[in-house]
Amino acid sequence: MLTIALPKGRIAEETLEIFAEIFGGEFEFESRKLILDIGEFRFLNVRNQDVPTYVEHGAADLGVVGLDVITEKELDIISLLDMNLGKCRVAIGIKNDDELDWNKPAIKVATKMVNITKNYFAQRAVGVEVVKLYGSIELAPLVGLVDAIVDIVDTGNTMRENGLKVAENIMDSSAHLIANKNSYYAKKDEILSLYEKINDVVKSRVK
């Protein structure tokens, strides 16, 4: 049996649709259930941020999670496939009437993506003071807590509605199929067989 960790919400639903397309039948979690067993597959319904942790520690053989989460957590897993789901970007946001001053000794940034933020500013050779927040990040520059934010941007509407604009894009992200390293070698044939089937569906949807 292959155990696959899926993030709650739209990406889980779209991933299960791919499985339904490949294998037929109904692939969906019942109401509040967190485990779905169908044939040779067990699906776990977990928080987006936790998917790679389940995979790295071997509680799941495979997982589907955003590249931003993989990059942020810097975990020791194998990335197999860009599934072209949940496309978004990680961007720097500032107030509409501000400009990002790269000459400041240090820029104060609110984010939950601490590693991505520190690495990006280090690449620019600019000092950064990170304030870690878990929600309502758009509020931070509006009340003077920080100069800027680093956050996920989908349509950009949330920033616009709160008087912010995108100053710079850091990275593009979409959902990737990842594997536990031990599982990849112990169950290589099963995993590669599934990978090929998923890859065929992903390619057919991109056309």
N, C-alpha and C. Protein backbone atom coordinates (compact mmCIF):
# COMPACT_ATOMS: atom_id res chain seq x y z
N MET A 1 0.84 -1.21 0.00
CA MET A 1 0.00 0.00 0.00
C MET A 1 0.87 1.25 0.00
N LEU A 2 0.49 2.24 -0.80
CA LEU A 2 1.16 3.53 -0.80
C LEU A 2 0.33 4.52 0.01
N THR A 3 0.98 5.22 0.92
CA THR A 3 0.31 6.25 1.72
C THR A 3 0.69 7.62 1.17
N ILE A 4 -0.33 8.44 0.90
CA ILE A 4 -0.11 9.73 0.24
C ILE A 4 -0.73 10.85 1.08
N ALA A 5 0.10 11.79 1.51
CA ALA A 5 -0.38 12.93 2.30
C ALA A 5 -0.81 14.05 1.37
N LEU A 6 -2.05 14.53 1.58
CA LEU A 6 -2.59 15.60 0.75
C LEU A 6 -2.93 16.81 1.62
N PRO A 7 -2.71 18.02 1.09
CA PRO A 7 -3.10 19.21 1.86
C PRO A 7 -4.60 19.41 1.79
N LYS A 8 -5.19 19.87 2.88
CA LYS A 8 -6.63 20.10 2.90
C LYS A 8 -7.01 21.16 1.86
N GLY A 9 -8.23 21.05 1.33
CA GLY A 9 -8.72 22.08 0.41
C GLY A 9 -8.61 21.71 -1.05
N ARG A 10 -8.45 22.76 -1.87
CA ARG A 10 -8.58 22.62 -3.32
C ARG A 10 -7.54 21.67 -3.92
N ILE A 11 -6.31 21.73 -3.44
CA ILE A 11 -5.27 20.88 -4.03
C ILE A 11 -5.57 19.40 -3.76
N ALA A 12 -6.08 19.10 -2.55
CA ALA A 12 -6.47 17.71 -2.25
C ALA A 12 -7.56 17.26 -3.20
N GLU A 13 -8.57 18.10 -3.40
CA GLU A 13 -9.68 17.74 -4.29
C GLU A 13 -9.19 17.52 -5.73
N GLU A 14 -8.32 18.42 -6.20
CA GLU A 14 -7.82 18.29 -7.58
C GLU A 14 -6.93 17.06 -7.73
N THR A 15 -6.16 16.73 -6.68
CA THR A 15 -5.32 15.54 -6.72
C THR A 15 -6.18 14.28 -6.77
N LEU A 16 -7.24 14.25 -5.96
CA LEU A 16 -8.13 13.09 -5.95
C LEU A 16 -8.86 12.96 -7.29
N GLU A 17 -9.13 14.09 -7.93
CA GLU A 17 -9.73 14.05 -9.28
C GLU A 17 -8.78 13.36 -10.26
N ILE A 18 -7.48 13.61 -10.11
CA ILE A 18 -6.49 12.96 -10.98
C ILE A 18 -6.51 11.45 -10.73
N PHE A 19 -6.59 11.05 -9.46
CA PHE A 19 -6.65 9.62 -9.15
C PHE A 19 -7.92 8.99 -9.71
N ALA A 20 -9.03 9.71 -9.63
CA ALA A 20 -10.28 9.20 -10.18
C ALA A 20 -10.16 9.03 -11.69
N GLU A 21 -9.45 9.96 -12.32
CA GLU A 21 -9.26 9.89 -13.78
C GLU A 21 -8.39 8.68 -14.15
N ILE A 22 -7.37 8.41 -13.32
CA ILE A 22 -6.46 7.30 -13.60
C ILE A 22 -7.11 5.95 -13.31
N PHE A 23 -7.74 5.83 -12.14
CA PHE A 23 -8.20 4.53 -11.67
C PHE A 23 -9.72 4.35 -11.73
N GLY A 24 -10.46 5.43 -12.04
CA GLY A 24 -11.91 5.33 -12.03
C GLY A 24 -12.43 5.28 -10.60
N GLY A 25 -13.74 5.34 -10.46
CA GLY A 25 -14.33 5.26 -9.12
C GLY A 25 -14.31 6.59 -8.39
N GLU A 26 -14.79 6.56 -7.15
CA GLU A 26 -14.91 7.77 -6.34
C GLU A 26 -13.70 7.91 -5.43
N PHE A 27 -13.01 9.03 -5.54
CA PHE A 27 -11.89 9.34 -4.66
C PHE A 27 -12.23 10.65 -3.95
N GLU A 28 -12.81 10.57 -2.77
CA GLU A 28 -13.07 11.80 -2.02
C GLU A 28 -13.21 11.51 -0.54
N PHE A 29 -12.73 12.45 0.28
CA PHE A 29 -12.84 12.31 1.73
C PHE A 29 -14.28 12.55 2.16
N GLU A 30 -14.78 11.71 3.08
CA GLU A 30 -16.11 11.94 3.64
C GLU A 30 -16.02 13.01 4.72
N SER A 31 -16.90 13.95 4.66
CA SER A 31 -17.03 15.07 5.62
C SER A 31 -15.73 15.37 6.36
N ARG A 32 -15.61 14.94 7.62
CA ARG A 32 -14.46 15.33 8.43
C ARG A 32 -13.40 14.23 8.56
N LYS A 33 -13.52 13.19 7.77
CA LYS A 33 -12.55 12.09 7.88
C LYS A 33 -11.18 12.52 7.37
N LEU A 34 -10.15 12.01 8.04
CA LEU A 34 -8.78 12.39 7.73
C LEU A 34 -8.03 11.29 6.98
N ILE A 35 -8.61 10.09 6.91
CA ILE A 35 -7.97 8.97 6.22
C ILE A 35 -8.96 8.40 5.20
N LEU A 36 -8.45 8.14 4.00
CA LEU A 36 -9.26 7.55 2.94
C LEU A 36 -8.50 6.35 2.38
N ASP A 37 -9.05 5.17 2.53
CA ASP A 37 -8.44 3.95 1.99
C ASP A 37 -9.21 3.49 0.75
N ILE A 38 -8.51 3.41 -0.37
CA ILE A 38 -9.12 2.89 -1.61
C ILE A 38 -8.10 1.99 -2.29
N GLY A 39 -8.44 0.71 -2.40
CA GLY A 39 -7.54 -0.24 -3.07
C GLY A 39 -6.17 -0.25 -2.42
N GLU A 40 -5.16 0.00 -3.25
CA GLU A 40 -3.77 -0.04 -2.75
C GLU A 40 -3.28 1.33 -2.27
N PHE A 41 -4.23 2.27 -2.05
CA PHE A 41 -3.82 3.62 -1.65
C PHE A 41 -4.47 4.03 -0.34
N ARG A 42 -3.69 4.71 0.48
CA ARG A 42 -4.22 5.37 1.68
C ARG A 42 -3.88 6.85 1.56
N PHE A 43 -4.90 7.69 1.65
CA PHE A 43 -4.72 9.14 1.58
C PHE A 43 -4.90 9.75 2.97
N LEU A 44 -4.01 10.66 3.33
CA LEU A 44 -4.10 11.38 4.60
C LEU A 44 -4.43 12.84 4.29
N ASN A 45 -5.40 13.40 4.99
CA ASN A 45 -5.83 14.78 4.77
C ASN A 45 -5.24 15.65 5.87
N VAL A 46 -4.15 16.37 5.58
CA VAL A 46 -3.44 17.12 6.61
C VAL A 46 -3.25 18.58 6.21
N ARG A 47 -2.81 19.39 7.15
CA ARG A 47 -2.55 20.80 6.85
C ARG A 47 -1.42 20.91 5.82
N ASN A 48 -1.55 21.89 4.95
CA ASN A 48 -0.58 22.11 3.88
C ASN A 48 0.86 22.10 4.40
N GLN A 49 1.09 22.87 5.49
CA GLN A 49 2.45 23.00 6.02
C GLN A 49 3.00 21.68 6.56
N ASP A 50 2.11 20.75 6.91
CA ASP A 50 2.54 19.49 7.54
C ASP A 50 2.84 18.37 6.54
N VAL A 51 2.41 18.53 5.29
CA VAL A 51 2.57 17.45 4.30
C VAL A 51 4.02 16.98 4.21
N PRO A 52 5.00 17.88 3.99
CA PRO A 52 6.37 17.39 3.84
C PRO A 52 6.93 16.76 5.10
N THR A 53 6.41 17.16 6.27
CA THR A 53 6.86 16.55 7.53
C THR A 53 6.42 15.09 7.60
N TYR A 54 5.16 14.82 7.23
CA TYR A 54 4.67 13.44 7.19
C TYR A 54 5.52 12.60 6.23
N VAL A 55 5.89 13.21 5.10
CA VAL A 55 6.67 12.48 4.09
C VAL A 55 8.10 12.27 4.56
N GLU A 56 8.73 13.31 5.08
CA GLU A 56 10.13 13.19 5.50
C GLU A 56 10.29 12.13 6.60
N HIS A 57 9.33 12.07 7.51
CA HIS A 57 9.43 11.14 8.64
C HIS A 57 8.88 9.75 8.32
N GLY A 58 8.39 9.56 7.09
CA GLY A 58 7.98 8.23 6.67
C GLY A 58 6.57 7.82 7.05
N ALA A 59 5.79 8.76 7.60
CA ALA A 59 4.38 8.45 7.89
C ALA A 59 3.59 8.38 6.59
N ALA A 60 4.12 9.02 5.55
CA ALA A 60 3.54 8.93 4.20
C ALA A 60 4.68 8.65 3.22
N ASP A 61 4.39 7.82 2.22
CA ASP A 61 5.39 7.53 1.19
C ASP A 61 5.51 8.70 0.21
N LEU A 62 4.36 9.28 -0.10
CA LEU A 62 4.29 10.38 -1.07
C LEU A 62 3.48 11.52 -0.48
N GLY A 63 3.61 12.69 -1.09
CA GLY A 63 2.81 13.83 -0.67
C GLY A 63 2.63 14.79 -1.83
N VAL A 64 1.64 15.64 -1.70
CA VAL A 64 1.43 16.71 -2.68
C VAL A 64 1.42 18.02 -1.91
N VAL A 65 2.35 18.92 -2.27
CA VAL A 65 2.49 20.16 -1.50
C VAL A 65 3.15 21.22 -2.36
N GLY A 66 2.89 22.48 -2.02
CA GLY A 66 3.42 23.60 -2.78
C GLY A 66 4.94 23.70 -2.69
N LEU A 67 5.55 24.14 -3.79
CA LEU A 67 6.99 24.32 -3.83
C LEU A 67 7.44 25.32 -2.77
N ASP A 68 6.60 26.30 -2.46
CA ASP A 68 6.95 27.29 -1.43
C ASP A 68 7.15 26.62 -0.07
N VAL A 69 6.31 25.63 0.24
CA VAL A 69 6.42 24.93 1.53
C VAL A 69 7.68 24.07 1.54
N ILE A 70 7.96 23.38 0.42
CA ILE A 70 9.16 22.55 0.31
C ILE A 70 10.40 23.43 0.49
N THR A 71 10.41 24.58 -0.18
CA THR A 71 11.56 25.49 -0.11
C THR A 71 11.74 26.05 1.29
N GLU A 72 10.64 26.43 1.92
CA GLU A 72 10.70 27.02 3.25
C GLU A 72 11.20 26.04 4.29
N LYS A 73 10.72 24.80 4.21
CA LYS A 73 11.06 23.82 5.25
C LYS A 73 12.42 23.17 5.05
N GLU A 74 12.97 23.25 3.84
CA GLU A 74 14.32 22.73 3.56
C GLU A 74 14.46 21.29 4.05
N LEU A 75 13.47 20.45 3.74
CA LEU A 75 13.46 19.07 4.22
C LEU A 75 14.17 18.13 3.25
N ASP A 76 14.49 16.96 3.76
CA ASP A 76 15.26 15.98 3.00
C ASP A 76 14.30 15.00 2.32
N ILE A 77 13.70 15.45 1.23
CA ILE A 77 12.73 14.61 0.50
C ILE A 77 13.09 14.65 -0.99
N ILE A 78 12.41 13.81 -1.77
CA ILE A 78 12.63 13.78 -3.22
C ILE A 78 11.44 14.45 -3.91
N SER A 79 11.72 15.44 -4.74
CA SER A 79 10.65 16.07 -5.51
C SER A 79 10.56 15.36 -6.86
N LEU A 80 9.39 14.80 -7.15
CA LEU A 80 9.22 13.97 -8.34
C LEU A 80 8.61 14.70 -9.53
N LEU A 81 7.63 15.58 -9.26
CA LEU A 81 6.84 16.10 -10.38
C LEU A 81 6.13 17.40 -10.01
N ASP A 82 6.19 18.38 -10.92
CA ASP A 82 5.37 19.58 -10.80
C ASP A 82 3.99 19.23 -11.35
N MET A 83 2.97 19.26 -10.48
CA MET A 83 1.63 18.83 -10.88
C MET A 83 0.79 19.95 -11.50
N ASN A 84 1.35 21.15 -11.57
CA ASN A 84 0.64 22.29 -12.19
C ASN A 84 -0.69 22.60 -11.50
N LEU A 85 -0.76 22.34 -10.22
CA LEU A 85 -1.96 22.68 -9.43
C LEU A 85 -1.61 23.80 -8.46
N GLY A 86 -2.62 24.56 -8.07
CA GLY A 86 -2.43 25.57 -7.02
C GLY A 86 -1.34 26.58 -7.33
N LYS A 87 -1.33 27.05 -8.57
CA LYS A 87 -0.27 28.00 -8.96
C LYS A 87 -0.40 29.33 -8.22
N CYS A 88 0.73 29.83 -7.73
CA CYS A 88 0.76 31.11 -7.04
C CYS A 88 2.20 31.60 -7.04
N ARG A 89 2.46 32.68 -6.33
CA ARG A 89 3.85 33.14 -6.24
C ARG A 89 4.10 33.68 -4.84
N VAL A 90 5.35 33.69 -4.46
CA VAL A 90 5.76 34.31 -3.21
C VAL A 90 6.30 35.69 -3.59
N ALA A 91 5.76 36.73 -2.94
CA ALA A 91 6.12 38.09 -3.35
C ALA A 91 6.33 39.00 -2.14
N ILE A 92 7.05 40.09 -2.40
CA ILE A 92 7.22 41.14 -1.39
C ILE A 92 6.10 42.16 -1.60
N GLY A 93 5.39 42.49 -0.53
CA GLY A 93 4.32 43.48 -0.60
C GLY A 93 4.65 44.70 0.25
N ILE A 94 4.32 45.88 -0.27
CA ILE A 94 4.53 47.14 0.46
C ILE A 94 3.30 48.02 0.29
N LYS A 95 3.23 49.07 1.09
CA LYS A 95 2.11 50.01 0.96
C LYS A 95 2.14 50.68 -0.42
N ASN A 96 0.95 50.99 -0.93
CA ASN A 96 0.83 51.55 -2.28
C ASN A 96 1.69 52.79 -2.50
N ASP A 97 1.83 53.62 -1.47
CA ASP A 97 2.58 54.87 -1.65
C ASP A 97 4.05 54.74 -1.24
N ASP A 98 4.50 53.51 -0.97
CA ASP A 98 5.90 53.28 -0.60
C ASP A 98 6.70 52.74 -1.78
N GLU A 99 8.01 52.83 -1.67
CA GLU A 99 8.94 52.14 -2.56
C GLU A 99 9.90 51.35 -1.67
N LEU A 100 10.34 50.21 -2.16
CA LEU A 100 11.26 49.39 -1.39
C LEU A 100 12.66 49.98 -1.47
N ASP A 101 13.21 50.36 -0.32
CA ASP A 101 14.53 51.01 -0.28
C ASP A 101 15.61 49.96 -0.02
N TRP A 102 16.23 49.49 -1.11
CA TRP A 102 17.27 48.45 -0.99
C TRP A 102 18.55 48.98 -0.37
N ASN A 103 18.65 50.29 -0.16
CA ASN A 103 19.86 50.87 0.43
C ASN A 103 19.79 50.99 1.95
N LYS A 104 18.64 50.65 2.52
CA LYS A 104 18.53 50.70 3.98
C LYS A 104 19.47 49.66 4.60
N PRO A 105 20.01 49.93 5.79
CA PRO A 105 20.88 48.95 6.45
C PRO A 105 20.16 47.62 6.70
N ALA A 106 18.88 47.71 7.01
CA ALA A 106 18.07 46.49 7.20
C ALA A 106 16.61 46.82 6.93
N ILE A 107 15.96 45.93 6.21
CA ILE A 107 14.54 46.09 5.91
C ILE A 107 13.76 45.17 6.85
N LYS A 108 12.74 45.72 7.47
CA LYS A 108 11.93 44.95 8.43
C LYS A 108 10.76 44.30 7.68
N VAL A 109 10.66 42.98 7.77
CA VAL A 109 9.70 42.23 6.96
C VAL A 109 8.87 41.28 7.83
N ALA A 110 7.55 41.32 7.65
CA ALA A 110 6.66 40.37 8.34
C ALA A 110 6.35 39.21 7.40
N THR A 111 6.42 37.98 7.91
CA THR A 111 6.15 36.81 7.08
C THR A 111 6.03 35.58 7.95
N LYS A 112 5.45 34.52 7.38
CA LYS A 112 5.56 33.20 8.02
C LYS A 112 6.61 32.37 7.29
N MET A 113 7.14 32.90 6.18
CA MET A 113 8.16 32.18 5.38
C MET A 113 9.54 32.76 5.69
N VAL A 114 10.04 32.41 6.85
CA VAL A 114 11.27 33.02 7.37
C VAL A 114 12.48 32.64 6.52
N ASN A 115 12.64 31.36 6.18
CA ASN A 115 13.83 30.94 5.43
C ASN A 115 13.86 31.51 4.02
N ILE A 116 12.71 31.47 3.33
CA ILE A 116 12.64 32.04 1.98
C ILE A 116 13.01 33.52 2.02
N THR A 117 12.48 34.23 3.01
CA THR A 117 12.74 35.67 3.14
C THR A 117 14.22 35.94 3.41
N LYS A 118 14.78 35.24 4.40
CA LYS A 118 16.20 35.48 4.74
C LYS A 118 17.11 35.15 3.57
N ASN A 119 16.83 34.05 2.89
CA ASN A 119 17.68 33.65 1.76
C ASN A 119 17.61 34.65 0.61
N TYR A 120 16.39 35.17 0.35
CA TYR A 120 16.24 36.10 -0.77
C TYR A 120 16.99 37.40 -0.49
N PHE A 121 16.84 37.92 0.73
CA PHE A 121 17.52 39.18 1.06
C PHE A 121 19.04 38.98 1.13
N ALA A 122 19.46 37.79 1.56
CA ALA A 122 20.90 37.49 1.59
C ALA A 122 21.47 37.50 0.17
N GLN A 123 20.70 36.95 -0.79
CA GLN A 123 21.14 36.95 -2.19
C GLN A 123 21.29 38.38 -2.72
N ARG A 124 20.45 39.28 -2.20
CA ARG A 124 20.53 40.68 -2.62
C ARG A 124 21.55 41.47 -1.80
N ALA A 125 22.19 40.75 -0.84
CA ALA A 125 23.16 41.38 0.06
C ALA A 125 22.56 42.57 0.82
N VAL A 126 21.32 42.37 1.26
CA VAL A 126 20.60 43.39 2.02
C VAL A 126 20.22 42.79 3.38
N GLY A 127 20.44 43.57 4.43
CA GLY A 127 20.06 43.11 5.77
C GLY A 127 18.54 43.03 5.90
N VAL A 128 18.08 42.05 6.67
CA VAL A 128 16.63 41.90 6.88
C VAL A 128 16.37 41.55 8.34
N GLU A 129 15.35 42.19 8.90
CA GLU A 129 14.87 41.84 10.23
C GLU A 129 13.49 41.20 10.04
N VAL A 130 13.38 39.92 10.36
CA VAL A 130 12.13 39.19 10.10
C VAL A 130 11.26 39.17 11.35
N VAL A 131 10.01 39.57 11.16
CA VAL A 131 9.00 39.47 12.22
C VAL A 131 8.05 38.34 11.80
N LYS A 132 8.04 37.25 12.56
CA LYS A 132 7.22 36.10 12.17
C LYS A 132 5.77 36.30 12.62
N LEU A 133 4.87 36.26 11.64
CA LEU A 133 3.43 36.34 11.91
C LEU A 133 2.75 35.14 11.27
N TYR A 134 1.58 34.78 11.80
CA TYR A 134 0.88 33.58 11.31
C TYR A 134 -0.41 33.90 10.56
N GLY A 135 -0.84 35.14 10.59
CA GLY A 135 -2.07 35.49 9.89
C GLY A 135 -2.23 37.00 9.82
N SER A 136 -3.15 37.46 8.96
CA SER A 136 -3.39 38.90 8.77
C SER A 136 -2.09 39.67 8.56
N ILE A 137 -1.21 39.08 7.76
CA ILE A 137 0.12 39.66 7.55
C ILE A 137 0.02 41.03 6.88
N GLU A 138 -1.03 41.23 6.06
CA GLU A 138 -1.18 42.51 5.35
C GLU A 138 -1.32 43.69 6.31
N LEU A 139 -1.75 43.43 7.53
CA LEU A 139 -1.95 44.50 8.51
C LEU A 139 -0.62 45.12 8.95
N ALA A 140 0.44 44.31 8.97
CA ALA A 140 1.71 44.73 9.59
C ALA A 140 2.30 46.02 9.02
N PRO A 141 2.39 46.19 7.69
CA PRO A 141 2.95 47.46 7.20
C PRO A 141 1.98 48.64 7.36
N LEU A 142 0.69 48.33 7.42
CA LEU A 142 -0.31 49.41 7.52
C LEU A 142 -0.23 50.12 8.87
N VAL A 143 0.19 49.40 9.90
CA VAL A 143 0.26 49.99 11.25
C VAL A 143 1.69 50.30 11.67
N GLY A 144 2.62 50.19 10.70
CA GLY A 144 4.01 50.58 10.98
C GLY A 144 4.85 49.53 11.69
N LEU A 145 4.36 48.31 11.77
CA LEU A 145 5.15 47.25 12.41
C LEU A 145 6.38 46.90 11.56
N VAL A 146 6.20 46.92 10.23
CA VAL A 146 7.28 46.52 9.32
C VAL A 146 7.28 47.42 8.07
N ASP A 147 8.35 47.29 7.29
CA ASP A 147 8.45 48.01 6.01
C ASP A 147 7.73 47.26 4.90
N ALA A 148 7.72 45.93 5.01
CA ALA A 148 7.20 45.11 3.90
C ALA A 148 6.74 43.76 4.44
N ILE A 149 6.05 43.00 3.59
CA ILE A 149 5.67 41.63 3.92
C ILE A 149 6.17 40.70 2.83
N VAL A 150 6.32 39.43 3.17
CA VAL A 150 6.55 38.39 2.17
C VAL A 150 5.43 37.38 2.35
N ASP A 151 4.66 37.17 1.29
CA ASP A 151 3.47 36.32 1.43
C ASP A 151 3.15 35.67 0.09
N ILE A 152 2.24 34.70 0.17
CA ILE A 152 1.72 34.04 -1.03
C ILE A 152 0.76 35.00 -1.75
N VAL A 153 0.92 35.12 -3.05
CA VAL A 153 0.02 35.93 -3.86
C VAL A 153 -0.61 35.03 -4.93
N ASP A 154 -1.93 35.02 -4.95
CA ASP A 154 -2.64 34.26 -5.98
C ASP A 154 -3.12 35.26 -7.03
N THR A 155 -4.22 35.93 -6.76
CA THR A 155 -4.71 36.95 -7.69
C THR A 155 -4.16 38.33 -7.37
N GLY A 156 -3.70 38.51 -6.13
CA GLY A 156 -3.24 39.82 -5.69
C GLY A 156 -4.34 40.65 -5.07
N ASN A 157 -5.57 40.12 -5.06
CA ASN A 157 -6.71 40.88 -4.54
C ASN A 157 -6.57 41.23 -3.06
N THR A 158 -6.05 40.28 -2.26
CA THR A 158 -5.96 40.53 -0.82
C THR A 158 -5.05 41.71 -0.54
N MET A 159 -3.93 41.76 -1.24
CA MET A 159 -3.02 42.91 -1.05
C MET A 159 -3.70 44.21 -1.49
N ARG A 160 -4.30 44.17 -2.68
CA ARG A 160 -4.93 45.39 -3.21
C ARG A 160 -6.03 45.90 -2.29
N GLU A 161 -6.83 44.99 -1.77
CA GLU A 161 -7.94 45.39 -0.89
C GLU A 161 -7.44 46.01 0.41
N ASN A 162 -6.19 45.74 0.75
CA ASN A 162 -5.62 46.28 1.99
C ASN A 162 -4.59 47.37 1.73
N GLY A 163 -4.65 47.97 0.54
CA GLY A 163 -3.79 49.12 0.25
C GLY A 163 -2.33 48.78 0.05
N LEU A 164 -2.07 47.52 -0.39
CA LEU A 164 -0.70 47.10 -0.64
C LEU A 164 -0.51 46.79 -2.12
N LYS A 165 0.76 46.76 -2.54
CA LYS A 165 1.10 46.38 -3.92
C LYS A 165 2.29 45.42 -3.89
N VAL A 166 2.43 44.66 -4.95
CA VAL A 166 3.57 43.75 -5.07
C VAL A 166 4.79 44.57 -5.52
N ALA A 167 5.84 44.54 -4.70
CA ALA A 167 7.06 45.27 -5.04
C ALA A 167 8.00 44.40 -5.85
N GLU A 168 7.99 43.09 -5.57
CA GLU A 168 8.91 42.20 -6.26
C GLU A 168 8.47 40.75 -6.05
N ASN A 169 8.61 39.94 -7.09
CA ASN A 169 8.32 38.51 -6.97
C ASN A 169 9.58 37.77 -6.53
N ILE A 170 9.42 36.85 -5.59
CA ILE A 170 10.55 36.05 -5.11
C ILE A 170 10.61 34.72 -5.84
N MET A 171 9.47 34.03 -5.96
CA MET A 171 9.46 32.73 -6.63
C MET A 171 8.04 32.37 -7.05
N ASP A 172 7.95 31.53 -8.09
CA ASP A 172 6.67 30.94 -8.48
C ASP A 172 6.51 29.62 -7.73
N SER A 173 5.27 29.27 -7.45
CA SER A 173 5.02 28.02 -6.74
C SER A 173 3.83 27.30 -7.34
N SER A 174 3.87 25.99 -7.26
CA SER A 174 2.72 25.15 -7.60
C SER A 174 2.90 23.84 -6.84
N ALA A 175 1.87 23.01 -6.84
CA ALA A 175 1.93 21.77 -6.07
C ALA A 175 2.85 20.75 -6.73
N HIS A 176 3.70 20.13 -5.93
CA HIS A 176 4.64 19.11 -6.41
C HIS A 176 4.34 17.78 -5.74
N LEU A 177 4.59 16.70 -6.48
CA LEU A 177 4.53 15.35 -5.91
C LEU A 177 5.90 15.06 -5.32
N ILE A 178 5.92 14.74 -4.01
CA ILE A 178 7.19 14.47 -3.33
C ILE A 178 7.19 13.06 -2.75
N ALA A 179 8.38 12.53 -2.49
CA ALA A 179 8.50 11.17 -1.97
C ALA A 179 9.47 11.11 -0.80
N ASN A 180 9.18 10.21 0.13
CA ASN A 180 10.11 9.88 1.20
C ASN A 180 11.28 9.11 0.58
N LYS A 181 12.50 9.42 0.99
CA LYS A 181 13.69 8.81 0.36
C LYS A 181 13.72 7.30 0.53
N ASN A 182 13.43 6.81 1.75
CA ASN A 182 13.45 5.37 1.99
C ASN A 182 12.36 4.67 1.18
N SER A 183 11.16 5.27 1.17
CA SER A 183 10.04 4.69 0.41
C SER A 183 10.38 4.62 -1.08
N TYR A 184 11.06 5.66 -1.56
CA TYR A 184 11.38 5.72 -2.99
C TYR A 184 12.21 4.51 -3.41
N TYR A 185 13.12 4.09 -2.53
CA TYR A 185 13.96 2.93 -2.88
C TYR A 185 13.27 1.61 -2.53
N ALA A 186 12.52 1.59 -1.43
CA ALA A 186 11.86 0.34 -1.00
C ALA A 186 10.66 0.01 -1.88
N LYS A 187 9.98 1.05 -2.39
CA LYS A 187 8.76 0.85 -3.19
C LYS A 187 8.90 1.51 -4.57
N LYS A 188 10.10 1.42 -5.11
CA LYS A 188 10.42 2.19 -6.32
C LYS A 188 9.48 1.86 -7.48
N ASP A 189 9.22 0.58 -7.71
CA ASP A 189 8.38 0.19 -8.85
C ASP A 189 6.97 0.76 -8.72
N GLU A 190 6.39 0.64 -7.51
CA GLU A 190 5.03 1.16 -7.30
C GLU A 190 4.99 2.67 -7.47
N ILE A 191 5.98 3.34 -6.89
CA ILE A 191 6.01 4.81 -6.95
C ILE A 191 6.22 5.30 -8.38
N LEU A 192 7.14 4.69 -9.10
CA LEU A 192 7.40 5.13 -10.48
C LEU A 192 6.22 4.82 -11.40
N SER A 193 5.54 3.71 -11.14
CA SER A 193 4.34 3.38 -11.91
C SER A 193 3.27 4.45 -11.72
N LEU A 194 3.06 4.84 -10.46
CA LEU A 194 2.07 5.87 -10.16
C LEU A 194 2.52 7.21 -10.72
N TYR A 195 3.81 7.52 -10.58
CA TYR A 195 4.36 8.77 -11.12
C TYR A 195 4.06 8.90 -12.61
N GLU A 196 4.29 7.81 -13.36
CA GLU A 196 4.06 7.84 -14.81
C GLU A 196 2.60 8.14 -15.12
N LYS A 197 1.69 7.50 -14.37
CA LYS A 197 0.25 7.71 -14.62
C LYS A 197 -0.16 9.15 -14.31
N ILE A 198 0.33 9.67 -13.18
CA ILE A 198 0.01 11.05 -12.81
C ILE A 198 0.61 12.02 -13.83
N ASN A 199 1.84 11.75 -14.24
CA ASN A 199 2.52 12.61 -15.21
C ASN A 199 1.75 12.68 -16.53
N ASP A 200 1.20 11.55 -16.96
CA ASP A 200 0.42 11.52 -18.20
C ASP A 200 -0.81 12.42 -18.09
N VAL A 201 -1.49 12.36 -16.93
CA VAL A 201 -2.69 13.19 -16.73
C VAL A 201 -2.31 14.67 -16.67
N VAL A 202 -1.23 14.97 -15.93
CA VAL A 202 -0.78 16.36 -15.81
C VAL A 202 -0.45 16.94 -17.19
N LYS A 203 0.28 16.16 -17.99
CA LYS A 203 0.64 16.62 -19.35
C LYS A 203 -0.59 16.85 -20.22
N SER A 204 -1.57 15.94 -20.09
CA SER A 204 -2.78 16.05 -20.93
C SER A 204 -3.59 17.30 -20.54
N ARG A 205 -3.51 17.70 -19.28
CA ARG A 205 -4.27 18.87 -18.82
C ARG A 205 -3.59 20.18 -19.20
N VAL A 206 -2.28 20.13 -19.40
CA VAL A 206 -1.53 21.35 -19.73
C VAL A 206 -1.77 21.76 -21.17
N LYS A 207 -2.03 20.78 -22.03
CA LYS A 207 -2.19 21.06 -23.47
C LYS A 207 -3.37 21.99 -23.75
